[in-house]
């Protein structure tokens, strides 16, 4: 259960980070703004003919893919490599945590940080959808949220693994290369 201590500490530290608040605000503005545009600009929903939750989620999918991958790089690239560069990993490993506990704790803590940003954004967007759309499908919305959280876990896992095996600068470069290749394949 030592990984839970690491995850709690990592989440608490990230909660104070300005990057988390900036990521959350950006996602809220992006997803809610896109919902308002979808509801008010008829050209965005003309393929379907009516406003629908599924139509909006289809539009949000490409944006969400890019957002989650970039946010995971920002959140996960320095998870372990950053601690190693600052020297705080020696202090962390001085406690009775194994290396596996540290990696698992960082993965869970950083995923929770990204999950908070995503869930806050989706909650605000839900209010916009209920207010502006004539119909709402809670099942579609819940499935989209769950898949997005799994996608976030996957990307943060990749970045924490990269961070655990490289130095801080290399983790950022590898993460950026990984994100740009997945984003370009998701868009095309």
N, C-alpha and C. Protein backbone atom coordinates (compact mmCIF):
# COMPACT_ATOMS: atom_id res chain seq x y z
N UNK A 1 0.82 -1.19 0.00
CA UNK A 1 0.00 0.00 0.00
C UNK A 1 0.86 1.26 0.00
N UNK A 2 2.15 1.09 -0.14
CA UNK A 2 3.06 2.22 -0.15
C UNK A 2 2.86 3.11 -1.38
N UNK A 3 2.39 2.51 -2.48
CA UNK A 3 2.15 3.30 -3.69
C UNK A 3 1.06 4.34 -3.47
N UNK A 4 0.10 4.03 -2.57
CA UNK A 4 -0.99 4.98 -2.29
C UNK A 4 -0.45 6.24 -1.62
N UNK A 5 0.56 6.10 -0.78
CA UNK A 5 1.17 7.26 -0.13
C UNK A 5 1.84 8.13 -1.18
N UNK A 6 2.56 7.51 -2.09
CA UNK A 6 3.23 8.25 -3.16
C UNK A 6 2.20 8.94 -4.05
N UNK A 7 1.13 8.23 -4.40
CA UNK A 7 0.09 8.81 -5.26
C UNK A 7 -0.59 9.99 -4.58
N UNK A 8 -0.91 9.85 -3.29
CA UNK A 8 -1.56 10.94 -2.55
C UNK A 8 -0.66 12.17 -2.50
N UNK A 9 0.62 11.96 -2.22
CA UNK A 9 1.56 13.08 -2.14
C UNK A 9 1.72 13.73 -3.51
N UNK A 10 1.81 12.92 -4.54
CA UNK A 10 1.98 13.45 -5.89
C UNK A 10 0.74 14.25 -6.31
N UNK A 11 -0.44 13.75 -5.99
CA UNK A 11 -1.67 14.47 -6.32
C UNK A 11 -1.76 15.78 -5.53
N UNK A 12 -1.42 15.72 -4.25
CA UNK A 12 -1.45 16.93 -3.42
C UNK A 12 -0.49 17.99 -3.95
N UNK A 13 0.70 17.56 -4.35
CA UNK A 13 1.67 18.50 -4.90
C UNK A 13 1.18 19.09 -6.22
N UNK A 14 0.61 18.26 -7.06
CA UNK A 14 0.13 18.72 -8.36
C UNK A 14 -1.08 19.63 -8.21
N UNK A 15 -1.87 19.42 -7.17
CA UNK A 15 -3.05 20.24 -6.93
C UNK A 15 -2.68 21.70 -6.73
N UNK A 16 -1.50 21.94 -6.21
CA UNK A 16 -1.02 23.30 -5.98
C UNK A 16 -0.36 23.90 -7.22
N UNK A 17 -0.18 23.09 -8.23
CA UNK A 17 0.52 23.53 -9.44
C UNK A 17 -0.36 24.43 -10.31
N UNK A 18 0.26 25.47 -10.82
CA UNK A 18 -0.45 26.36 -11.74
C UNK A 18 -0.74 25.66 -13.06
N UNK A 19 0.10 24.69 -13.42
CA UNK A 19 -0.11 23.95 -14.67
C UNK A 19 -1.43 23.18 -14.64
N UNK A 20 -1.76 22.57 -13.50
CA UNK A 20 -3.02 21.85 -13.39
C UNK A 20 -4.20 22.79 -13.58
N UNK A 21 -4.15 23.93 -12.94
CA UNK A 21 -5.24 24.90 -13.06
C UNK A 21 -5.33 25.43 -14.48
N UNK A 22 -4.20 25.64 -15.13
CA UNK A 22 -4.21 26.11 -16.51
C UNK A 22 -4.77 25.05 -17.45
N UNK A 23 -4.39 23.79 -17.23
CA UNK A 23 -4.90 22.70 -18.06
C UNK A 23 -6.41 22.55 -17.87
N UNK A 24 -6.87 22.63 -16.63
CA UNK A 24 -8.30 22.52 -16.35
C UNK A 24 -9.07 23.66 -17.00
N UNK A 25 -8.58 24.88 -16.85
CA UNK A 25 -9.26 26.03 -17.45
C UNK A 25 -9.28 25.93 -18.97
N UNK A 26 -8.17 25.50 -19.55
CA UNK A 26 -8.12 25.35 -21.01
C UNK A 26 -9.12 24.31 -21.49
N UNK A 27 -9.20 23.20 -20.78
CA UNK A 27 -10.13 22.17 -21.20
C UNK A 27 -11.58 22.59 -21.02
N UNK A 28 -11.89 23.28 -19.93
CA UNK A 28 -13.25 23.76 -19.71
C UNK A 28 -13.64 24.72 -20.83
N UNK A 29 -12.77 25.66 -21.13
CA UNK A 29 -13.06 26.62 -22.21
C UNK A 29 -13.18 25.92 -23.56
N UNK A 30 -12.30 24.97 -23.80
CA UNK A 30 -12.30 24.27 -25.08
C UNK A 30 -13.56 23.43 -25.26
N UNK A 31 -13.88 22.59 -24.30
CA UNK A 31 -15.02 21.68 -24.48
C UNK A 31 -16.36 22.42 -24.39
N UNK A 32 -16.50 23.32 -23.43
CA UNK A 32 -17.76 24.07 -23.32
C UNK A 32 -17.92 25.03 -24.49
N UNK A 33 -16.84 25.66 -24.90
CA UNK A 33 -16.91 26.56 -26.06
C UNK A 33 -17.27 25.81 -27.33
N UNK A 34 -16.73 24.62 -27.48
CA UNK A 34 -17.06 23.81 -28.65
C UNK A 34 -18.53 23.38 -28.62
N UNK A 35 -19.07 23.11 -27.43
CA UNK A 35 -20.48 22.75 -27.31
C UNK A 35 -21.38 23.93 -27.69
N UNK A 36 -21.00 25.13 -27.26
CA UNK A 36 -21.77 26.32 -27.62
C UNK A 36 -21.71 26.55 -29.13
N UNK A 37 -20.52 26.40 -29.71
CA UNK A 37 -20.40 26.55 -31.17
C UNK A 37 -21.23 25.51 -31.91
N UNK A 38 -21.18 24.28 -31.44
CA UNK A 38 -21.94 23.21 -32.07
C UNK A 38 -23.44 23.49 -32.03
N UNK A 39 -23.89 24.07 -30.91
CA UNK A 39 -25.32 24.35 -30.75
C UNK A 39 -25.76 25.58 -31.53
N UNK A 40 -24.86 26.54 -31.74
CA UNK A 40 -25.27 27.80 -32.35
C UNK A 40 -24.89 27.95 -33.81
N UNK A 41 -23.92 27.20 -34.29
CA UNK A 41 -23.50 27.29 -35.69
C UNK A 41 -24.08 26.08 -36.44
N UNK A 42 -25.10 26.30 -37.27
CA UNK A 42 -25.78 25.17 -37.92
C UNK A 42 -24.88 24.36 -38.84
N UNK A 43 -23.84 24.96 -39.40
CA UNK A 43 -22.96 24.24 -40.31
C UNK A 43 -22.21 23.11 -39.62
N UNK A 44 -22.00 23.22 -38.32
CA UNK A 44 -21.28 22.16 -37.60
C UNK A 44 -22.12 20.91 -37.41
N UNK A 45 -23.44 21.06 -37.36
CA UNK A 45 -24.31 19.90 -37.15
C UNK A 45 -25.15 19.57 -38.38
N UNK A 46 -24.79 20.11 -39.53
CA UNK A 46 -25.63 19.91 -40.72
C UNK A 46 -25.58 18.48 -41.24
N UNK A 47 -24.51 17.73 -41.01
CA UNK A 47 -24.44 16.34 -41.48
C UNK A 47 -25.50 15.47 -40.82
N UNK A 48 -25.80 15.76 -39.56
CA UNK A 48 -26.74 14.97 -38.80
C UNK A 48 -28.16 15.51 -38.97
N UNK A 49 -28.28 16.81 -39.11
CA UNK A 49 -29.58 17.44 -39.29
C UNK A 49 -30.18 17.96 -38.01
N UNK A 50 -29.70 17.50 -36.86
CA UNK A 50 -30.21 17.98 -35.58
C UNK A 50 -29.09 17.93 -34.57
N UNK A 51 -29.25 18.67 -33.51
CA UNK A 51 -28.28 18.64 -32.43
C UNK A 51 -28.43 17.34 -31.66
N UNK A 52 -27.32 16.65 -31.45
CA UNK A 52 -27.37 15.42 -30.68
C UNK A 52 -26.10 15.28 -29.86
N UNK A 53 -26.21 14.55 -28.80
CA UNK A 53 -25.05 14.30 -27.95
C UNK A 53 -23.97 13.56 -28.72
N UNK A 54 -24.37 12.55 -29.47
CA UNK A 54 -23.41 11.75 -30.23
C UNK A 54 -22.71 12.59 -31.30
N UNK A 55 -23.46 13.47 -31.96
CA UNK A 55 -22.84 14.35 -32.96
C UNK A 55 -21.80 15.25 -32.34
N UNK A 56 -22.12 15.81 -31.18
CA UNK A 56 -21.17 16.68 -30.49
C UNK A 56 -19.95 15.88 -30.03
N UNK A 57 -20.16 14.70 -29.48
CA UNK A 57 -19.04 13.89 -29.01
C UNK A 57 -18.12 13.48 -30.16
N UNK A 58 -18.70 13.27 -31.32
CA UNK A 58 -17.89 12.97 -32.51
C UNK A 58 -17.00 14.15 -32.84
N UNK A 59 -17.55 15.35 -32.74
CA UNK A 59 -16.77 16.56 -32.99
C UNK A 59 -15.70 16.75 -31.91
N UNK A 60 -16.04 16.45 -30.67
CA UNK A 60 -15.11 16.63 -29.55
C UNK A 60 -13.99 15.58 -29.54
N UNK A 61 -14.18 14.47 -30.20
CA UNK A 61 -13.22 13.37 -30.15
C UNK A 61 -11.82 13.77 -30.61
N UNK A 62 -11.72 14.45 -31.74
CA UNK A 62 -10.39 14.85 -32.25
C UNK A 62 -9.74 15.86 -31.31
N UNK A 63 -10.53 16.78 -30.80
CA UNK A 63 -10.00 17.78 -29.89
C UNK A 63 -9.55 17.12 -28.59
N UNK A 64 -10.33 16.18 -28.10
CA UNK A 64 -10.01 15.48 -26.87
C UNK A 64 -8.73 14.65 -27.02
N UNK A 65 -8.57 14.03 -28.16
CA UNK A 65 -7.37 13.23 -28.40
C UNK A 65 -6.13 14.10 -28.30
N UNK A 66 -6.16 15.24 -28.94
CA UNK A 66 -5.03 16.15 -28.90
C UNK A 66 -4.82 16.71 -27.49
N UNK A 67 -5.89 17.14 -26.84
CA UNK A 67 -5.78 17.71 -25.51
C UNK A 67 -5.20 16.72 -24.51
N UNK A 68 -5.73 15.51 -24.47
CA UNK A 68 -5.29 14.53 -23.48
C UNK A 68 -3.83 14.15 -23.72
N UNK A 69 -3.43 13.99 -24.97
CA UNK A 69 -2.04 13.61 -25.23
C UNK A 69 -1.07 14.73 -24.83
N UNK A 70 -1.40 15.97 -25.15
CA UNK A 70 -0.51 17.08 -24.77
C UNK A 70 -0.51 17.28 -23.26
N UNK A 71 -1.67 17.20 -22.64
CA UNK A 71 -1.75 17.36 -21.18
C UNK A 71 -0.99 16.24 -20.47
N UNK A 72 -1.04 15.03 -21.00
CA UNK A 72 -0.30 13.92 -20.40
C UNK A 72 1.20 14.15 -20.48
N UNK A 73 1.65 14.77 -21.55
CA UNK A 73 3.07 15.09 -21.66
C UNK A 73 3.45 16.12 -20.60
N UNK A 74 2.64 17.15 -20.47
CA UNK A 74 2.92 18.19 -19.48
C UNK A 74 2.91 17.60 -18.07
N UNK A 75 1.95 16.75 -17.80
CA UNK A 75 1.79 16.20 -16.45
C UNK A 75 2.78 15.07 -16.16
N UNK A 76 3.04 14.22 -17.14
CA UNK A 76 3.80 13.01 -16.87
C UNK A 76 5.28 13.03 -17.18
N UNK A 77 5.73 13.95 -18.03
CA UNK A 77 7.13 13.91 -18.48
C UNK A 77 8.12 14.09 -17.34
N UNK A 78 7.80 14.91 -16.37
CA UNK A 78 8.73 15.14 -15.28
C UNK A 78 8.43 14.34 -14.03
N UNK A 79 7.54 13.38 -14.13
CA UNK A 79 7.09 12.64 -12.95
C UNK A 79 8.25 12.04 -12.18
N UNK A 80 9.10 11.32 -12.84
CA UNK A 80 10.23 10.68 -12.17
C UNK A 80 11.55 11.34 -12.58
N UNK A 81 11.68 11.66 -13.87
CA UNK A 81 12.90 12.30 -14.34
C UNK A 81 13.10 13.65 -13.67
N UNK A 82 12.02 14.38 -13.46
CA UNK A 82 12.12 15.68 -12.80
C UNK A 82 12.57 15.53 -11.35
N UNK A 83 12.05 14.53 -10.67
CA UNK A 83 12.48 14.29 -9.29
C UNK A 83 13.95 13.88 -9.24
N UNK A 84 14.37 13.11 -10.23
CA UNK A 84 15.77 12.69 -10.27
C UNK A 84 16.67 13.90 -10.47
N UNK A 85 16.27 14.83 -11.36
CA UNK A 85 17.07 16.02 -11.62
C UNK A 85 17.12 16.95 -10.42
N UNK A 86 16.00 17.08 -9.70
CA UNK A 86 15.95 17.95 -8.52
C UNK A 86 16.60 17.30 -7.30
N UNK A 87 16.83 16.00 -7.35
CA UNK A 87 17.42 15.30 -6.22
C UNK A 87 16.43 14.81 -5.20
N UNK A 88 15.15 15.07 -5.42
CA UNK A 88 14.14 14.64 -4.44
C UNK A 88 13.84 13.16 -4.54
N UNK A 89 14.30 12.49 -5.59
CA UNK A 89 14.06 11.04 -5.68
C UNK A 89 14.87 10.30 -4.63
N UNK A 90 16.03 10.83 -4.25
CA UNK A 90 16.82 10.19 -3.18
C UNK A 90 16.05 10.25 -1.87
N UNK A 91 15.42 11.38 -1.61
CA UNK A 91 14.62 11.51 -0.40
C UNK A 91 13.42 10.56 -0.46
N UNK A 92 12.77 10.50 -1.62
CA UNK A 92 11.59 9.64 -1.78
C UNK A 92 11.95 8.17 -1.59
N UNK A 93 13.07 7.76 -2.18
CA UNK A 93 13.48 6.36 -2.04
C UNK A 93 14.11 6.07 -0.68
N UNK A 94 14.38 7.11 0.10
CA UNK A 94 14.86 6.92 1.47
C UNK A 94 13.77 6.41 2.39
N UNK A 95 12.52 6.63 2.00
CA UNK A 95 11.39 6.09 2.74
C UNK A 95 11.19 4.64 2.32
N UNK A 96 10.35 3.90 3.03
CA UNK A 96 10.20 2.47 2.69
C UNK A 96 9.34 2.23 1.44
N UNK A 97 9.68 2.89 0.35
CA UNK A 97 8.98 2.69 -0.92
C UNK A 97 9.92 1.96 -1.87
N UNK A 98 9.41 0.94 -2.51
CA UNK A 98 10.22 0.30 -3.55
C UNK A 98 10.12 1.14 -4.82
N UNK A 99 10.95 0.87 -5.77
CA UNK A 99 10.90 1.61 -7.04
C UNK A 99 9.57 1.37 -7.75
N UNK A 100 9.06 0.16 -7.66
CA UNK A 100 7.76 -0.14 -8.28
C UNK A 100 6.65 0.66 -7.62
N UNK A 101 6.72 0.82 -6.28
CA UNK A 101 5.73 1.63 -5.59
C UNK A 101 5.78 3.08 -6.06
N UNK A 102 6.97 3.59 -6.27
CA UNK A 102 7.13 4.98 -6.73
C UNK A 102 6.53 5.14 -8.12
N UNK A 103 6.85 4.22 -9.02
CA UNK A 103 6.33 4.32 -10.39
C UNK A 103 4.81 4.18 -10.40
N UNK A 104 4.28 3.20 -9.68
CA UNK A 104 2.83 3.02 -9.64
C UNK A 104 2.14 4.21 -8.97
N UNK A 105 2.72 4.71 -7.90
CA UNK A 105 2.16 5.88 -7.23
C UNK A 105 2.17 7.11 -8.12
N UNK A 106 3.25 7.31 -8.85
CA UNK A 106 3.32 8.43 -9.79
C UNK A 106 2.28 8.26 -10.90
N UNK A 107 2.13 7.05 -11.40
CA UNK A 107 1.14 6.79 -12.46
C UNK A 107 -0.26 7.12 -11.97
N UNK A 108 -0.61 6.65 -10.80
CA UNK A 108 -1.96 6.87 -10.28
C UNK A 108 -2.16 8.34 -9.90
N UNK A 109 -1.17 8.94 -9.27
CA UNK A 109 -1.29 10.35 -8.89
C UNK A 109 -1.41 11.26 -10.08
N UNK A 110 -0.58 11.06 -11.10
CA UNK A 110 -0.62 11.92 -12.29
C UNK A 110 -1.87 11.66 -13.11
N UNK A 111 -2.34 10.41 -13.15
CA UNK A 111 -3.59 10.12 -13.87
C UNK A 111 -4.76 10.79 -13.16
N UNK A 112 -4.74 10.80 -11.84
CA UNK A 112 -5.81 11.47 -11.09
C UNK A 112 -5.81 12.97 -11.38
N UNK A 113 -4.64 13.56 -11.53
CA UNK A 113 -4.55 14.98 -11.86
C UNK A 113 -5.21 15.25 -13.21
N UNK A 114 -4.87 14.45 -14.21
CA UNK A 114 -5.47 14.64 -15.54
C UNK A 114 -6.96 14.30 -15.52
N UNK A 115 -7.34 13.29 -14.75
CA UNK A 115 -8.75 12.92 -14.66
C UNK A 115 -9.58 14.04 -14.06
N UNK A 116 -9.05 14.75 -13.08
CA UNK A 116 -9.77 15.88 -12.51
C UNK A 116 -10.00 16.95 -13.56
N UNK A 117 -8.97 17.27 -14.34
CA UNK A 117 -9.13 18.28 -15.39
C UNK A 117 -10.18 17.85 -16.42
N UNK A 118 -10.13 16.60 -16.83
CA UNK A 118 -11.08 16.09 -17.82
C UNK A 118 -12.50 16.07 -17.25
N UNK A 119 -12.66 15.59 -16.03
CA UNK A 119 -14.00 15.48 -15.45
C UNK A 119 -14.62 16.85 -15.16
N UNK A 120 -13.82 17.81 -14.73
CA UNK A 120 -14.34 19.16 -14.53
C UNK A 120 -14.80 19.74 -15.87
N UNK A 121 -13.98 19.57 -16.89
CA UNK A 121 -14.35 20.06 -18.22
C UNK A 121 -15.61 19.40 -18.75
N UNK A 122 -15.71 18.09 -18.56
CA UNK A 122 -16.90 17.39 -19.04
C UNK A 122 -18.14 17.74 -18.22
N UNK A 123 -17.97 18.04 -16.95
CA UNK A 123 -19.12 18.44 -16.12
C UNK A 123 -19.66 19.80 -16.55
N UNK A 124 -18.77 20.75 -16.81
CA UNK A 124 -19.21 22.06 -17.30
C UNK A 124 -19.85 21.92 -18.67
N UNK A 125 -19.26 21.10 -19.51
CA UNK A 125 -19.82 20.87 -20.84
C UNK A 125 -21.18 20.20 -20.76
N UNK A 126 -21.36 19.32 -19.80
CA UNK A 126 -22.65 18.67 -19.59
C UNK A 126 -23.74 19.71 -19.30
N UNK A 127 -23.40 20.69 -18.48
CA UNK A 127 -24.38 21.75 -18.19
C UNK A 127 -24.74 22.53 -19.46
N UNK A 128 -23.75 22.78 -20.31
CA UNK A 128 -24.01 23.49 -21.57
C UNK A 128 -24.88 22.64 -22.49
N UNK A 129 -24.58 21.34 -22.56
CA UNK A 129 -25.36 20.45 -23.43
C UNK A 129 -26.81 20.36 -22.96
N UNK A 130 -27.02 20.20 -21.68
CA UNK A 130 -28.39 20.10 -21.15
C UNK A 130 -29.15 21.40 -21.42
N UNK A 131 -28.46 22.54 -21.33
CA UNK A 131 -29.12 23.82 -21.53
C UNK A 131 -29.43 24.10 -23.00
N UNK A 132 -28.56 23.67 -23.92
CA UNK A 132 -28.69 24.08 -25.32
C UNK A 132 -29.20 23.02 -26.27
N UNK A 133 -29.02 21.74 -25.95
CA UNK A 133 -29.39 20.68 -26.88
C UNK A 133 -30.82 20.22 -26.60
N UNK A 134 -31.58 19.92 -27.66
CA UNK A 134 -32.96 19.45 -27.42
C UNK A 134 -33.02 18.04 -26.83
N UNK A 135 -32.03 17.22 -27.13
CA UNK A 135 -31.98 15.87 -26.57
C UNK A 135 -30.62 15.63 -25.94
N UNK A 136 -30.58 14.72 -24.99
CA UNK A 136 -29.34 14.39 -24.31
C UNK A 136 -29.32 12.89 -24.05
N UNK A 137 -28.18 12.26 -24.37
CA UNK A 137 -28.02 10.83 -24.14
C UNK A 137 -26.98 10.62 -23.03
N UNK A 138 -27.43 10.34 -21.82
CA UNK A 138 -26.46 10.16 -20.73
C UNK A 138 -25.57 8.94 -20.91
N UNK A 139 -26.07 7.92 -21.58
CA UNK A 139 -25.27 6.71 -21.80
C UNK A 139 -24.08 7.03 -22.72
N UNK A 140 -24.35 7.71 -23.83
CA UNK A 140 -23.27 8.09 -24.74
C UNK A 140 -22.24 8.97 -24.04
N UNK A 141 -22.74 9.91 -23.24
CA UNK A 141 -21.84 10.83 -22.55
C UNK A 141 -20.99 10.09 -21.51
N UNK A 142 -21.59 9.17 -20.78
CA UNK A 142 -20.86 8.40 -19.77
C UNK A 142 -19.81 7.49 -20.42
N UNK A 143 -20.16 6.88 -21.53
CA UNK A 143 -19.20 6.03 -22.24
C UNK A 143 -18.03 6.87 -22.75
N UNK A 144 -18.34 8.04 -23.31
CA UNK A 144 -17.29 8.94 -23.79
C UNK A 144 -16.36 9.34 -22.65
N UNK A 145 -16.93 9.68 -21.50
CA UNK A 145 -16.11 10.08 -20.35
C UNK A 145 -15.22 8.91 -19.89
N UNK A 146 -15.78 7.71 -19.83
CA UNK A 146 -15.01 6.55 -19.39
C UNK A 146 -13.87 6.23 -20.36
N UNK A 147 -14.16 6.28 -21.65
CA UNK A 147 -13.12 6.00 -22.65
C UNK A 147 -12.04 7.08 -22.61
N UNK A 148 -12.44 8.32 -22.39
CA UNK A 148 -11.47 9.40 -22.28
C UNK A 148 -10.56 9.21 -21.07
N UNK A 149 -11.12 8.76 -19.97
CA UNK A 149 -10.30 8.51 -18.78
C UNK A 149 -9.34 7.33 -19.00
N UNK A 150 -9.79 6.31 -19.72
CA UNK A 150 -8.88 5.21 -20.05
C UNK A 150 -7.76 5.68 -20.98
N UNK A 151 -8.12 6.53 -21.93
CA UNK A 151 -7.12 7.11 -22.83
C UNK A 151 -6.11 7.94 -22.03
N UNK A 152 -6.59 8.70 -21.05
CA UNK A 152 -5.70 9.50 -20.20
C UNK A 152 -4.76 8.59 -19.41
N UNK A 153 -5.29 7.50 -18.85
CA UNK A 153 -4.46 6.55 -18.12
C UNK A 153 -3.38 5.98 -19.02
N UNK A 154 -3.74 5.63 -20.24
CA UNK A 154 -2.77 5.07 -21.17
C UNK A 154 -1.66 6.08 -21.48
N UNK A 155 -2.04 7.30 -21.79
CA UNK A 155 -1.03 8.29 -22.15
C UNK A 155 -0.16 8.68 -20.96
N UNK A 156 -0.75 8.84 -19.79
CA UNK A 156 0.05 9.16 -18.61
C UNK A 156 0.98 7.99 -18.31
N UNK A 157 0.51 6.77 -18.49
CA UNK A 157 1.36 5.59 -18.29
C UNK A 157 2.56 5.60 -19.21
N UNK A 158 2.33 5.95 -20.46
CA UNK A 158 3.45 6.03 -21.40
C UNK A 158 4.45 7.09 -20.93
N UNK A 159 3.94 8.25 -20.53
CA UNK A 159 4.83 9.34 -20.13
C UNK A 159 5.55 9.04 -18.82
N UNK A 160 4.91 8.40 -17.88
CA UNK A 160 5.59 8.04 -16.64
C UNK A 160 6.67 6.99 -16.93
N UNK A 161 6.38 6.06 -17.83
CA UNK A 161 7.39 5.06 -18.21
C UNK A 161 8.58 5.73 -18.90
N UNK A 162 8.30 6.67 -19.78
CA UNK A 162 9.38 7.41 -20.44
C UNK A 162 10.16 8.19 -19.40
N UNK A 163 9.46 8.82 -18.47
CA UNK A 163 10.11 9.60 -17.42
C UNK A 163 10.98 8.72 -16.52
N UNK A 164 10.54 7.50 -16.29
CA UNK A 164 11.29 6.59 -15.42
C UNK A 164 12.56 6.08 -16.08
N UNK A 165 12.58 6.07 -17.40
CA UNK A 165 13.72 5.48 -18.09
C UNK A 165 14.66 6.50 -18.73
N UNK A 166 14.31 7.77 -18.68
CA UNK A 166 15.15 8.79 -19.32
C UNK A 166 15.37 9.96 -18.39
N UNK A 167 16.18 10.89 -18.85
CA UNK A 167 16.36 12.14 -18.10
C UNK A 167 15.22 13.09 -18.45
N UNK A 168 15.10 14.18 -17.72
CA UNK A 168 13.99 15.12 -17.90
C UNK A 168 13.88 15.68 -19.30
N UNK A 169 14.99 16.15 -19.87
CA UNK A 169 14.96 16.72 -21.22
C UNK A 169 14.58 15.70 -22.28
N UNK A 170 15.13 14.51 -22.16
CA UNK A 170 14.78 13.46 -23.12
C UNK A 170 13.34 13.03 -23.00
N UNK A 171 12.80 13.03 -21.78
CA UNK A 171 11.39 12.65 -21.58
C UNK A 171 10.48 13.61 -22.30
N UNK A 172 10.78 14.90 -22.23
CA UNK A 172 9.96 15.90 -22.93
C UNK A 172 10.04 15.70 -24.44
N UNK A 173 11.25 15.47 -24.95
CA UNK A 173 11.41 15.30 -26.41
C UNK A 173 10.73 14.03 -26.90
N UNK A 174 10.89 12.93 -26.17
CA UNK A 174 10.23 11.69 -26.58
C UNK A 174 8.72 11.81 -26.50
N UNK A 175 8.22 12.46 -25.46
CA UNK A 175 6.79 12.66 -25.32
C UNK A 175 6.22 13.52 -26.42
N UNK A 176 6.93 14.56 -26.79
CA UNK A 176 6.48 15.43 -27.88
C UNK A 176 6.44 14.68 -29.21
N UNK A 177 7.45 13.86 -29.45
CA UNK A 177 7.47 13.08 -30.69
C UNK A 177 6.34 12.07 -30.71
N UNK A 178 6.10 11.43 -29.58
CA UNK A 178 5.01 10.45 -29.47
C UNK A 178 3.66 11.12 -29.67
N UNK A 179 3.48 12.29 -29.08
CA UNK A 179 2.20 13.00 -29.19
C UNK A 179 1.95 13.48 -30.61
N UNK A 180 2.97 14.01 -31.26
CA UNK A 180 2.76 14.53 -32.61
C UNK A 180 2.45 13.41 -33.59
N UNK A 181 3.05 12.25 -33.40
CA UNK A 181 2.75 11.15 -34.33
C UNK A 181 1.36 10.58 -34.08
N UNK A 182 0.93 10.49 -32.82
CA UNK A 182 -0.42 9.96 -32.55
C UNK A 182 -1.49 10.98 -32.91
N UNK A 183 -1.23 12.27 -32.71
CA UNK A 183 -2.21 13.29 -33.04
C UNK A 183 -2.40 13.39 -34.54
N UNK A 184 -1.32 13.28 -35.31
CA UNK A 184 -1.47 13.37 -36.75
C UNK A 184 -2.18 12.14 -37.29
N UNK A 185 -1.99 10.97 -36.67
CA UNK A 185 -2.71 9.79 -37.16
C UNK A 185 -4.16 9.83 -36.73
N UNK A 186 -4.48 10.45 -35.58
CA UNK A 186 -5.88 10.53 -35.14
C UNK A 186 -6.66 11.53 -35.98
N UNK A 187 -6.01 12.56 -36.46
CA UNK A 187 -6.68 13.58 -37.25
C UNK A 187 -6.90 13.11 -38.69
N UNK A 188 -5.97 12.33 -39.22
CA UNK A 188 -6.11 11.90 -40.62
C UNK A 188 -6.94 10.66 -40.77
